[in-house]
């Protein structure tokens, strides 16, 4: 109704001020109607005059005027209107209905005073009656009414043909107005569908794995039968993990825990199984012998850092020949030699030179080349100590200041062999290097200790994020709450078969993402969701006020760090990243990385320097003694 009144007002202004008595537009500029100044400004008046004098407007106006003066189906009820006509008909017929169908009302509005109905009007009415028998009310509302179909004319939005002004589809059909979903609703629907698809994939994988489980536990290959070790040393021993289906193969390495009365996740172990902690995965597609139904973990790579049950006949104590010494040619960079190892170094090299079959293809170090002396010295100590026997371990105390809780890290011969042979690293080696950084950089240095802190990879990893997300979040929030100033939390994260580094500034709500294989953080949705949620909880607990534009946005920055060129260097890269970040003593990490350390790839020498620091730390802490 307001629109109709507005159109009438504009027509009134046109006829009174823009046209002469003969209904032609005047040539001169019409004067500004001062009496209507409260409704229209001078600028609006000039724009209105220009719009009405436009030739396109005149052409459209003339067309509409001609069509309205000679309608195909003329309205015969004068000023009565559809609403009063409908009310009159219902009163005369004494009907209990509250309204008439649009086509019935449309026909009655075209009946003259003599009561006759034109043939063309009757034809449209009859066609509407036919259509109304075959089209449902919902289809009539969603598309076009039967009257619009019979007249073969388009239906304009916001109105109902044959019902007069003020009647809308919403008021007529008593249904809520449809609207297009917002972007947020579309994203929520998409996320819900993605979650359903992911859940179906997990269910399918779990059921497929459970079907194979029973047959896999019963099947033992000929090789497994021959090499089956019925007795395991008591305590914790380094071991190799095999699977027998679909082929017999080595799939990972870890530590077997052979203690009486041991439980797995508060439940008794299945018969014929031992508890194993997974450190390294060699087959990224390998399935667990027994899936963890609670955490929905079915793949071995998702169990790194956690305990699983493994069949006895597929566990082999790691009693390989003592590590083969590897010599590589590098530029000289270190001169210190650990005394005990140096005394035995020449004897060891001499004995190996006599025994050619123990040597790899590489030759002895050239004159002037860098010799990994601490690695050689540590390997000599290992060969001469009880660590040379299978199952020997060392315990390294981790103070509360390091991870926010006191704990003990277990180091086995397997971990040392990974360093000597430049193989994939487990969480024990990464944590030992963190202890090295703590002892040599942050301990006793108030500036560094207040600026850099660490997150335990044992308490927050992919397996625990899937199985116990609440405990992971609580630990991160507790770590963040321990900071009183801006801190950068260094978190080595293992995604299953790969190490990467997160540097988190919880106060500024910035996460630096350092990935040596050039992957995106979107490839790790569980990890990202955990970090975002933990920062938001931390924000809430410290009652921080954040602008609305940032309330749901946490800044993630992908740092253009050096990239690895093989599939085993990720752990060494993460250790060097942490060392360089602390050495630069900067909370903010440049997106292109530090100029002092910027390069496309780390050289082997740069990685060997990290290994040398580790081995020197083992020696100086006297973790290995003869």
Foldseek 3Di string as FASTA:
>chain_A
DVVVVVVVVLVVCCQPFQADPVRHGDPDDTDDPPVCCVPAPPVRVVVSNVVCPDPVNVVVVVVVVVCVVDPPQDFAPPPCFLVNQQVVVCVVVVDPDPGDPLLVSQQVRRQHPVRDGDPVSVQLSVQLVVVPVVDDPVNCLVANHSSCVSVVHHDDAQDHHSRGPPDHSCVVVVDDDDDDDDPVVVVVVVVVVVVVVVVVVLVVLQVVLVVVLVVQLVDDDPVLVVPQDPDDDAAKWKKWFWGPPPHTDTFFIWIWHHDPPDAAPPHRADPQKTKTATFATPHQADFASHADPQLSGTTQLLRHLGIDIGGRSRIGFPLDPQAQADWDFAAADDDDADVVLVVCVVVVVVVCVVVVVSHDPDDHYDPRGYGLRLLSSLSVLCCVFPLNDTGDWFWDWDDCLAAVDTDIAIGHNVQSSCLRVVFAHGLSLLVLLSVLCCVPFVVPPPLLSLAEHEHRQSQDESNCLSNPVPSSLVSLLVVLVVHPDFYWYWYFYRHRNATWIWTAGLVLLEIETGGQAPDDCVVPVSVVVSSQVSSLVSCVVVVHDDDPVCNNPRHYAYALAAHDDDRRCRSLSSSVVVVVCSVVSDSDADSPGDPVRHDNHDDVVSSSVSSSSSSVVCVVVPSRHD
